[in-house]
Protein backbone atom coordinates (compact mmCIF):
# COMPACT_ATOMS: atom_id res chain seq x y z
CA MET A 1 -18.09 6.90 -7.14
CA ILE A 2 -15.52 5.68 -9.63
CA GLU A 3 -16.74 3.50 -12.48
CA TYR A 4 -14.13 0.85 -13.14
CA ASP A 5 -13.83 -0.59 -16.62
CA SER A 6 -13.49 -4.29 -17.37
CA PRO A 7 -10.19 -5.75 -16.13
CA ALA A 8 -9.61 -7.00 -19.69
CA SER A 9 -9.57 -3.44 -21.09
CA LEU A 10 -6.56 -1.15 -21.09
CA ARG A 11 -8.51 1.50 -19.20
CA GLY A 12 -9.60 -1.02 -16.57
CA GLN A 13 -6.06 -2.29 -16.14
CA LEU A 14 -4.69 1.23 -15.80
CA GLN A 15 -7.30 2.03 -13.17
CA ARG A 16 -6.11 -1.02 -11.21
CA GLY A 17 -2.41 -0.21 -11.67
CA ARG A 18 -1.66 -3.50 -13.39
CA GLY A 19 1.56 -4.31 -15.17
CA ALA A 20 -0.43 -5.56 -18.16
CA ALA A 21 -1.50 -1.98 -18.91
CA ALA A 22 2.03 -0.65 -18.56
CA ARG A 23 3.14 -3.20 -21.15
CA ARG A 24 0.22 -2.51 -23.54
CA ALA A 25 0.08 1.28 -23.32
CA SER A 26 2.67 2.08 -25.98
CA THR A 27 0.82 0.10 -28.66
CA THR A 28 -2.82 0.68 -27.76
CA PRO A 29 -4.83 3.58 -29.27
CA GLY A 30 -6.31 5.88 -26.65
CA ALA A 31 -3.72 5.01 -24.02
CA ALA A 32 -2.72 8.64 -23.49
CA ASP A 33 -6.26 9.73 -22.61
CA ALA A 34 -6.62 6.80 -20.19
CA VAL A 35 -3.33 7.65 -18.47
CA TYR A 36 -4.35 11.30 -18.10
CA GLU A 37 -7.68 10.21 -16.68
CA CYS A 38 -6.00 8.06 -14.02
CA VAL A 39 -3.67 10.88 -13.02
CA ILE A 40 -6.51 13.39 -12.77
CA THR A 41 -9.17 11.07 -11.33
CA ASP A 42 -7.52 9.04 -8.58
CA THR A 43 -8.76 5.46 -8.96
CA ARG A 44 -7.07 3.99 -5.88
CA TRP A 45 -9.39 1.77 -3.87
CA ASP A 46 -7.53 2.58 -0.64
CA ARG A 47 -5.58 5.84 -0.78
CA GLN A 48 -3.69 5.01 2.40
CA VAL A 49 -1.89 1.98 1.01
CA ASP A 50 -2.47 1.51 -2.74
CA GLN A 51 0.35 2.98 -4.85
CA ARG A 52 0.05 4.82 -8.16
CA ASP A 53 2.45 7.79 -8.30
CA SER A 54 5.59 6.08 -9.66
CA TYR A 55 3.50 3.81 -11.91
CA LEU A 56 1.71 6.73 -13.58
CA ALA A 57 4.83 8.91 -13.69
CA GLY A 58 6.60 6.08 -15.50
CA LEU A 59 3.80 5.87 -18.06
CA VAL A 60 3.77 9.62 -18.65
CA ALA A 61 7.53 9.50 -19.23
CA ARG A 62 7.50 6.33 -21.35
CA LEU A 63 4.75 7.66 -23.62
CA ASP A 64 6.34 11.13 -23.64
CA LEU A 65 2.98 12.70 -22.82
CA PRO A 66 2.60 16.49 -22.71
CA LEU A 67 1.71 17.82 -19.26
CA ALA A 68 -0.92 20.32 -20.43
CA PRO A 69 -3.96 18.18 -19.40
CA ILE A 70 -2.52 17.66 -15.92
CA GLN A 71 -1.69 21.33 -15.59
CA GLN A 72 -5.18 22.24 -16.78
CA HIS A 73 -6.66 20.05 -14.06
CA LEU A 74 -4.61 21.83 -11.41
CA VAL A 75 -5.56 25.25 -12.75
CA THR A 76 -9.29 24.60 -13.04
CA TYR A 77 -9.93 22.63 -9.86
CA ASP A 78 -11.13 25.06 -7.20
CA GLY A 79 -12.70 22.77 -4.59
CA GLU A 80 -11.89 23.11 -0.92
CA ASP A 81 -10.63 19.53 -0.56
CA ALA A 82 -7.01 19.07 -1.67
CA GLU A 83 -7.41 15.33 -2.27
CA PRO A 84 -8.44 15.63 -5.97
CA VAL A 85 -5.09 17.24 -6.84
CA GLU A 86 -2.85 15.12 -4.61
CA LEU A 87 -2.02 12.34 -7.09
CA ALA A 88 -1.39 14.77 -9.96
CA LEU A 89 1.07 16.67 -7.76
CA GLN A 90 2.75 13.42 -6.71
CA VAL A 91 3.21 12.39 -10.34
CA LEU A 92 4.67 15.80 -11.22
CA ALA A 93 7.12 15.56 -8.32
CA LEU A 94 8.52 12.26 -9.63
CA LEU A 95 8.77 13.11 -13.32
CA PRO A 96 11.93 15.26 -13.04
CA MET A 97 13.74 12.15 -11.73
CA VAL A 98 13.31 10.61 -15.19
CA GLY A 99 14.30 13.72 -17.12
CA ARG A 100 10.98 15.54 -17.40
CA LEU A 101 12.11 18.93 -16.09
CA ASP A 102 8.99 20.53 -17.54
CA ALA A 103 7.15 18.86 -14.64
CA ALA A 104 9.35 20.75 -12.19
CA ALA A 105 8.15 24.05 -13.61
CA VAL A 106 4.49 23.04 -13.33
CA LEU A 107 4.87 21.77 -9.77
CA ARG A 108 6.84 24.80 -8.68
CA GLY A 109 4.28 27.13 -10.22
CA TYR A 110 1.46 25.41 -8.34
CA ALA A 111 3.38 25.52 -5.08
CA ILE A 112 3.70 29.27 -5.50
CA ASP A 113 0.26 30.20 -6.85
CA GLY A 114 -2.01 27.17 -6.59
CA PRO A 115 -5.00 27.15 -4.23
CA HIS A 116 -3.74 23.97 -2.53
CA TRP A 117 -0.13 25.08 -2.34
CA PRO A 118 0.43 23.46 1.12
CA MET A 119 -0.30 20.08 -0.48
CA ALA A 120 2.26 20.84 -3.18
CA LEU A 121 4.86 21.62 -0.53
CA GLU A 122 4.05 18.39 1.29
CA VAL A 123 4.49 16.43 -1.93
CA ILE A 124 7.78 18.20 -2.68
CA ASP A 125 9.05 17.19 0.75
CA LEU A 126 7.87 13.57 0.74
CA SER A 127 8.96 12.83 -2.84
CA GLY A 128 12.51 14.09 -2.41
CA ALA A 129 11.91 16.88 -4.94
CA MET A 130 13.46 19.30 -2.41
CA LYS A 131 16.78 18.10 -3.85
CA LEU A 132 15.96 19.39 -7.32
CA PRO A 133 17.31 22.91 -7.98
CA ALA A 134 14.64 23.53 -10.63
CA ILE A 135 12.02 23.22 -7.91
CA TRP A 136 13.83 24.25 -4.77
CA ASP A 137 16.08 27.21 -5.62
CA GLY A 138 14.34 30.41 -4.56
CA LEU A 139 11.12 28.60 -3.72
CA ALA A 140 11.05 29.88 -0.14
CA ASP A 141 11.33 33.51 -1.30
CA ASP A 142 8.48 33.09 -3.78
CA ILE A 143 6.23 31.25 -1.31
CA ILE A 144 6.70 33.80 1.44
CA ALA A 145 6.29 36.78 -0.88
CA ASN A 146 2.87 35.49 -1.98
CA ARG A 147 1.45 34.82 1.50
CA ASP A 148 0.52 36.94 4.48
CA ASP A 149 1.19 35.79 8.04
CA ALA A 150 -2.30 34.36 8.50
CA GLN A 151 -1.96 32.18 5.40
CA LEU A 152 1.46 30.99 6.48
CA ALA A 153 0.30 30.22 10.00
CA GLN A 154 -2.57 28.15 8.64
CA ALA A 155 -0.16 26.07 6.53
CA ILE A 156 2.64 25.62 9.07
CA TRP A 157 1.93 22.75 11.44
CA GLY A 158 5.16 23.02 13.34
CA ASP A 159 8.88 22.50 13.04
CA THR A 160 8.58 20.19 10.02
CA GLU A 161 9.85 20.21 6.45
CA PRO A 162 9.93 22.13 4.28
CA TRP A 163 9.24 24.82 6.88
CA THR A 164 12.26 23.92 9.00
CA THR A 165 14.54 24.64 6.06
CA PHE A 166 12.53 27.70 5.04
CA ALA A 167 12.93 29.07 8.57
CA GLN A 168 16.70 29.21 8.15
CA SER A 169 16.37 32.01 5.61
CA GLN A 170 12.86 33.36 6.26
CA PRO A 171 12.42 35.29 9.53
CA ARG A 172 8.62 35.29 9.17
CA VAL A 173 8.54 31.51 9.06
CA ARG A 174 10.91 31.24 12.00
CA ARG A 175 8.74 33.60 14.03
CA ILE A 176 5.53 31.69 13.24
CA ILE A 177 7.13 28.37 14.19
CA ASP A 178 8.44 29.85 17.43
CA GLU A 179 5.02 31.29 18.25
CA LEU A 180 3.34 27.95 17.60
CA GLN A 181 5.77 26.16 19.87
CA ALA A 182 5.41 28.78 22.60
CA SER A 183 1.61 28.56 22.49
CA ARG A 184 1.66 24.84 23.17
CA SER A 185 2.08 23.49 26.66
CA PRO A 186 5.33 21.57 26.84
CA ALA A 187 4.66 17.88 26.74
CA PRO A 188 5.94 15.97 29.75
CA PRO A 189 8.83 13.61 29.04
CA TRP A 190 7.41 10.42 27.64
CA ARG A 191 7.66 7.39 29.86
CA ASP A 192 6.50 3.95 28.97
CA THR A 193 4.02 3.25 31.76
CA ARG A 194 2.54 0.17 30.13
CA PRO A 195 2.76 -2.95 32.25
CA GLU A 196 5.30 -5.53 31.14
CA MET A 197 3.06 -8.37 30.03
CA ALA A 198 5.73 -11.03 30.42
CA ALA A 199 5.90 -10.26 34.15
CA ILE A 200 2.15 -10.71 34.73
CA ASP A 201 0.77 -14.16 35.53
CA ASN A 202 -2.10 -15.64 33.52
CA GLU A 203 -4.68 -14.67 36.11
CA GLY A 204 -3.55 -11.06 35.93
CA LEU A 205 -3.66 -11.12 32.13
CA ILE A 206 -7.19 -12.49 32.22
CA GLY A 207 -8.13 -9.64 34.52
CA LEU A 208 -6.72 -7.11 32.06
CA VAL A 209 -8.76 -8.62 29.25
CA ALA A 210 -11.92 -8.50 31.34
CA ALA A 211 -11.23 -4.91 32.42
CA GLY A 212 -10.89 -3.69 28.83
CA GLY A 213 -8.96 -0.56 27.98
CA SER A 214 -5.77 -0.13 26.04
CA GLU A 215 -4.03 -3.15 27.54
CA ARG A 216 -6.62 -5.71 26.48
CA ARG A 217 -5.01 -6.31 23.10
CA ARG A 218 -1.54 -6.86 24.54
CA ALA A 219 -2.87 -9.14 27.27
CA LEU A 220 -4.67 -11.29 24.71
CA GLU A 221 -1.54 -11.57 22.60
CA GLU A 222 0.48 -12.63 25.64
CA LEU A 223 -2.10 -15.28 26.60
CA GLY A 224 -1.90 -16.66 23.09
CA ARG A 225 1.89 -16.62 23.21
CA ARG A 226 1.70 -18.72 26.39
CA GLY A 227 -0.69 -21.18 24.78
CA ASP A 228 -3.60 -20.45 27.12
CA HIS A 229 -6.79 -21.84 25.59
CA ILE A 230 -8.93 -19.28 27.40
CA VAL A 231 -8.30 -17.19 24.28
CA PHE A 232 -10.99 -19.28 22.56
CA ASP A 233 -13.57 -18.32 25.17
CA PHE A 234 -12.67 -14.66 24.83
CA ALA A 235 -13.05 -14.88 21.04
CA GLU A 236 -16.61 -16.18 21.54
CA ASP A 237 -17.57 -13.59 24.18
CA LEU A 238 -19.80 -11.05 22.41
CA GLY A 239 -19.53 -8.67 25.36
CA LEU A 240 -15.82 -8.10 24.73
CA ARG A 241 -16.19 -6.94 21.15
CA ASN A 242 -15.78 -3.30 20.16
CA ALA A 243 -18.29 -1.14 18.32
CA ALA A 244 -17.13 -2.62 15.01
CA GLY A 245 -17.83 -6.11 16.31
CA TRP A 246 -14.14 -6.99 16.53
CA LEU A 247 -11.83 -7.94 19.41
CA PRO A 248 -8.33 -6.50 18.79
CA GLY A 249 -5.57 -8.89 19.77
CA ILE A 250 -7.50 -12.07 19.05
CA PRO A 251 -6.04 -12.73 15.56
CA GLN A 252 -2.52 -12.36 16.94
CA ALA A 253 -3.31 -14.60 19.92
CA LEU A 254 -4.71 -17.30 17.64
CA HIS A 255 -1.63 -17.03 15.46
CA HIS A 256 0.56 -17.77 18.49
CA LEU A 257 -1.61 -20.74 19.41
CA GLY A 258 -1.02 -22.21 15.96
CA PRO A 259 -2.30 -25.77 15.40
CA ASP A 260 -3.79 -25.83 18.91
CA ALA A 261 -6.44 -23.43 17.60
CA LEU A 262 -7.55 -25.69 14.76
CA PRO A 263 -10.25 -27.78 16.49
CA ARG A 264 -12.06 -24.76 17.89
CA ALA A 265 -11.56 -22.72 14.72
CA ARG A 266 -13.19 -25.41 12.63
CA THR A 267 -16.31 -25.21 14.78
CA TRP A 268 -16.43 -21.44 14.33
CA ILE A 269 -16.62 -21.75 10.55
CA GLY A 270 -20.08 -23.25 10.80
CA SER A 271 -21.25 -21.03 13.67
CA GLY A 272 -23.10 -18.40 11.66
CA ASP A 273 -21.21 -15.66 13.56
CA ASP A 274 -19.44 -13.65 10.87
CA ILE A 275 -16.60 -12.64 13.22
CA LEU A 276 -15.97 -16.21 14.33
CA VAL A 277 -16.23 -17.45 10.76
CA ALA A 278 -13.54 -14.98 9.69
CA LEU A 279 -11.31 -15.99 12.61
CA GLY A 280 -11.81 -19.67 11.84
CA GLU A 281 -10.93 -19.17 8.19
CA ARG A 282 -7.81 -17.25 9.19
CA VAL A 283 -6.66 -20.10 11.42
CA VAL A 284 -7.21 -22.84 8.84
CA ALA A 285 -5.52 -20.69 6.19
CA GLU A 286 -2.45 -20.40 8.40
CA VAL A 287 -2.16 -23.90 9.86
CA GLY A 288 -4.92 -26.09 8.44
CA ASP A 289 -4.44 -29.12 6.20
CA ARG A 290 -5.79 -30.16 2.83
CA GLY A 291 -8.99 -31.28 4.50
CA ASP A 292 -9.75 -27.60 5.09
CA ALA A 293 -9.48 -26.83 1.36
CA PRO A 294 -13.26 -26.78 0.71
CA VAL A 295 -13.73 -24.11 3.39
CA LEU A 296 -10.95 -21.96 1.94
CA LEU A 297 -12.14 -22.46 -1.63
CA ALA A 298 -15.62 -21.35 -0.64
CA ALA A 299 -14.25 -18.33 1.25
CA LEU A 300 -12.12 -17.28 -1.71
CA HIS A 301 -14.94 -17.65 -4.22
CA ARG A 302 -17.38 -15.78 -2.00
CA SER A 303 -14.94 -12.90 -1.48
CA VAL A 304 -13.99 -12.60 -5.15
CA VAL A 305 -17.62 -12.58 -6.31
CA ALA A 306 -18.48 -9.94 -3.70
CA GLY A 307 -15.38 -7.85 -4.45
CA GLU A 308 -14.24 -8.14 -0.82
CA TRP A 309 -10.57 -7.95 -1.71
CA CYS A 310 -9.10 -7.75 1.79
CA ALA A 311 -11.12 -10.77 2.86
CA ALA A 312 -9.90 -12.67 -0.20
CA GLU A 313 -6.25 -12.33 0.82
CA VAL A 314 -6.54 -14.80 3.72
CA PRO A 315 -7.90 -17.82 1.80
CA ALA A 316 -5.67 -16.97 -1.17
CA ARG A 317 -2.51 -17.36 0.89
CA GLY A 318 -3.87 -20.42 2.66
CA LEU A 319 -4.74 -22.17 -0.58
CA GLY A 320 -1.34 -21.31 -1.98
CA ARG A 321 0.35 -22.77 1.09
CA LEU A 322 -1.61 -25.99 0.65
CA GLY A 323 -1.12 -26.08 -3.14
CA ILE A 324 -4.81 -26.51 -3.98
CA ARG A 325 -5.00 -26.58 -7.76
CA GLU A 326 -8.76 -25.98 -7.82
CA ALA A 327 -8.21 -22.43 -6.56
CA ALA A 328 -6.40 -21.31 -9.71
CA SER A 329 -9.39 -19.85 -11.58
CA ASP A 330 -10.61 -17.75 -8.66
CA LEU A 331 -7.07 -16.62 -7.88
CA MET A 332 -6.59 -15.53 -11.47
CA ALA A 333 -9.92 -13.70 -11.39
CA ALA A 334 -8.81 -11.98 -8.19
CA TRP A 335 -5.45 -11.01 -9.70
CA GLU A 336 -7.10 -9.54 -12.77
CA GLY A 337 -10.09 -7.90 -11.12
CA THR A 338 -9.05 -6.62 -7.72
CA LEU A 339 -9.51 -2.91 -7.21
CA HIS A 340 -7.24 -3.11 -4.16
CA SER A 341 -3.83 -3.19 -5.81
CA LEU A 342 -1.95 -4.07 -2.62
CA ALA A 343 -3.95 -7.32 -2.41
CA ARG A 344 -2.31 -8.58 -5.60
CA GLY A 345 0.65 -9.70 -3.50
CA ALA A 346 -1.55 -12.27 -1.75
CA PHE A 347 -3.05 -13.46 -5.03
CA LEU A 348 0.44 -13.78 -6.50
CA ASP A 349 1.51 -15.96 -3.56
CA GLY A 350 -1.62 -18.05 -3.93
CA LEU A 351 -1.11 -18.62 -7.64
CA GLN A 352 2.50 -19.63 -7.21
CA GLY A 353 1.50 -22.29 -4.70
CA CYS A 354 -1.60 -23.54 -6.53
CA ALA A 355 -0.71 -23.19 -10.20
CA PRO A 356 3.03 -22.60 -10.73
CA HIS A 357 2.79 -22.71 -14.52
CA GLU A 358 0.04 -20.04 -14.69
CA ALA A 359 1.91 -18.05 -12.06
CA GLU A 360 4.91 -17.60 -14.36
CA ALA A 361 3.00 -15.30 -16.71
CA VAL A 362 1.60 -13.39 -13.74
CA MET A 363 5.10 -12.98 -12.33
CA VAL A 364 6.27 -11.46 -15.60
CA GLU A 365 3.37 -9.02 -15.53
CA GLY A 366 4.14 -8.24 -11.89
CA LEU A 367 7.51 -6.75 -12.86
CA ASP A 368 5.56 -3.72 -14.14
CA ASP A 369 2.96 -3.57 -11.36
CA CYS A 370 2.15 -0.36 -9.51
CA GLU A 371 2.90 -1.98 -6.15
CA PRO A 372 6.59 -2.22 -5.17
CA THR A 373 5.82 -5.25 -2.99
CA VAL A 374 4.37 -7.06 -6.01
CA GLN A 375 7.36 -6.07 -8.14
CA GLN A 376 9.74 -7.38 -5.47
CA ARG A 377 7.90 -10.70 -5.33
CA ALA A 378 7.91 -10.91 -9.13
CA CYS A 379 11.66 -10.28 -9.20
CA GLU A 380 12.19 -13.24 -6.90
CA ALA A 381 10.08 -15.72 -8.87
CA ALA A 382 9.91 -14.59 -12.51
CA PRO A 383 11.12 -17.21 -15.02
CA ASP A 384 14.52 -16.89 -16.62
CA THR A 385 13.92 -15.41 -20.06
CA ALA A 386 15.70 -12.78 -22.09
CA ALA A 387 12.77 -10.41 -21.66
CA VAL A 388 12.74 -10.89 -17.90
CA ARG A 389 16.48 -10.27 -17.64
CA SER A 390 16.10 -7.11 -19.69
CA ARG A 391 13.31 -5.85 -17.42
CA LEU A 392 15.31 -6.71 -14.31
CA ARG A 393 18.24 -4.67 -15.60
CA GLU A 394 15.89 -1.74 -16.19
CA LEU A 395 14.55 -2.03 -12.66
CA THR A 396 18.01 -1.96 -11.11
CA ALA A 397 18.53 1.53 -12.52
CA ASP A 398 14.99 2.93 -12.53
CA PRO A 399 14.87 6.04 -10.31
CA LEU A 400 11.13 5.50 -9.90
CA ALA A 401 11.65 1.97 -8.54
CA SER A 402 14.17 2.47 -5.74
CA GLU A 403 12.29 0.00 -3.54
CA VAL A 404 12.80 -2.71 -6.16
CA HIS A 405 16.50 -2.18 -6.93
CA GLU A 406 17.76 -4.71 -4.41
CA ALA A 407 15.32 -7.46 -5.43
CA ALA A 408 16.12 -6.99 -9.12
CA ASN A 409 19.87 -6.98 -8.48
CA THR A 410 19.65 -10.10 -6.34
CA LYS A 411 17.67 -12.00 -8.98
CA LEU A 412 20.14 -11.04 -11.70
CA GLN A 413 23.02 -12.26 -9.56
CA VAL A 414 21.23 -15.58 -9.00
CA LEU A 415 20.58 -15.96 -12.72
CA ASP A 416 24.19 -15.13 -13.58
CA LEU A 417 25.38 -17.88 -11.22
CA ARG A 418 23.41 -20.53 -13.04
CA ILE A 419 25.57 -22.88 -15.06
CA ASP A 420 24.57 -23.30 -18.66
CA PRO A 421 24.08 -27.08 -19.11
CA ARG A 422 25.39 -26.76 -22.67
CA GLY A 423 28.57 -25.10 -21.47
């Protein structure tokens, strides 16, 4: 288990991928050790969606940190699971894009000799490092020379990169790929055999929901799209829920029903059924009015105190939509404390709606966030200051922020079109 430091500390902010840490690191003693720690010990709350590679690579480059501690981690880790070296390899793959060619040598060396060399090859492919001669030239020869056929066969999943390119010059790789393909039964041509929901009447859709199976979710969504209030009864039917206690398709169906769902949703909030409570809160967050604010405020506070960051996103956006000023303190606590970096986008939206003045400082911080979606949102709404314009210009040319280039460029164009009232 990862022990997270206080969100007020540099180490705690780095662990969370916050822009505040990126801005403080160059002037705070001990920043280098904290950055190394975050590269070596992956602190992401959800590895599938939370981003850190470009954020940490940018810090390594900005602080001009030597790579020896990262290389030492790769050399000494000998566990069977490749996950503990994944982030370090991802950071190394990005560093050459900002001039750190020494990272290319470390990454290439690990791809050739490291115990988790298939992970290094995957990172090289996904990061775009295949385009870098310092990594790519001659890599296939060195990889193949160091591996027997059994090792190669274990690493090659099929006709995918970088093996597809390797196969063009490496007969052993081509043979292994061909053997893999020949050993698999050819898949029949894919045909979409799913029923067209729009062509089924409501009675038929209700039958599909009752029958269960893969079409239940789509049938529920279609019933909601048509405004059929039977969706409410299905939401309350315990027998339809899956092993996790959820009924896929219901949130989407309720979304389509919109304000029609409000009366029933409000009754669910006091039902004591956690699933119905969550559905009710989602509905009032999306389409409720200011009279629903106490429910959303309670849901936000409860989620923030419990550290249930995904659950906090729903009331955060709802309160922002309604402009409920009383939510500001909990939204700020969520922004500062969340371990789920992707959730900061929801807290940013909430703050802008509830407390625009406080949100300005958060928007400025968001320009340096680890999450591209947060950076994009910050580009759109950051205040017009010299410092913000300078950061936007940096983002338009930052090779580690390609997903943010367009948002930064657009904001600069908008600012340039503003007429100076003194002019």
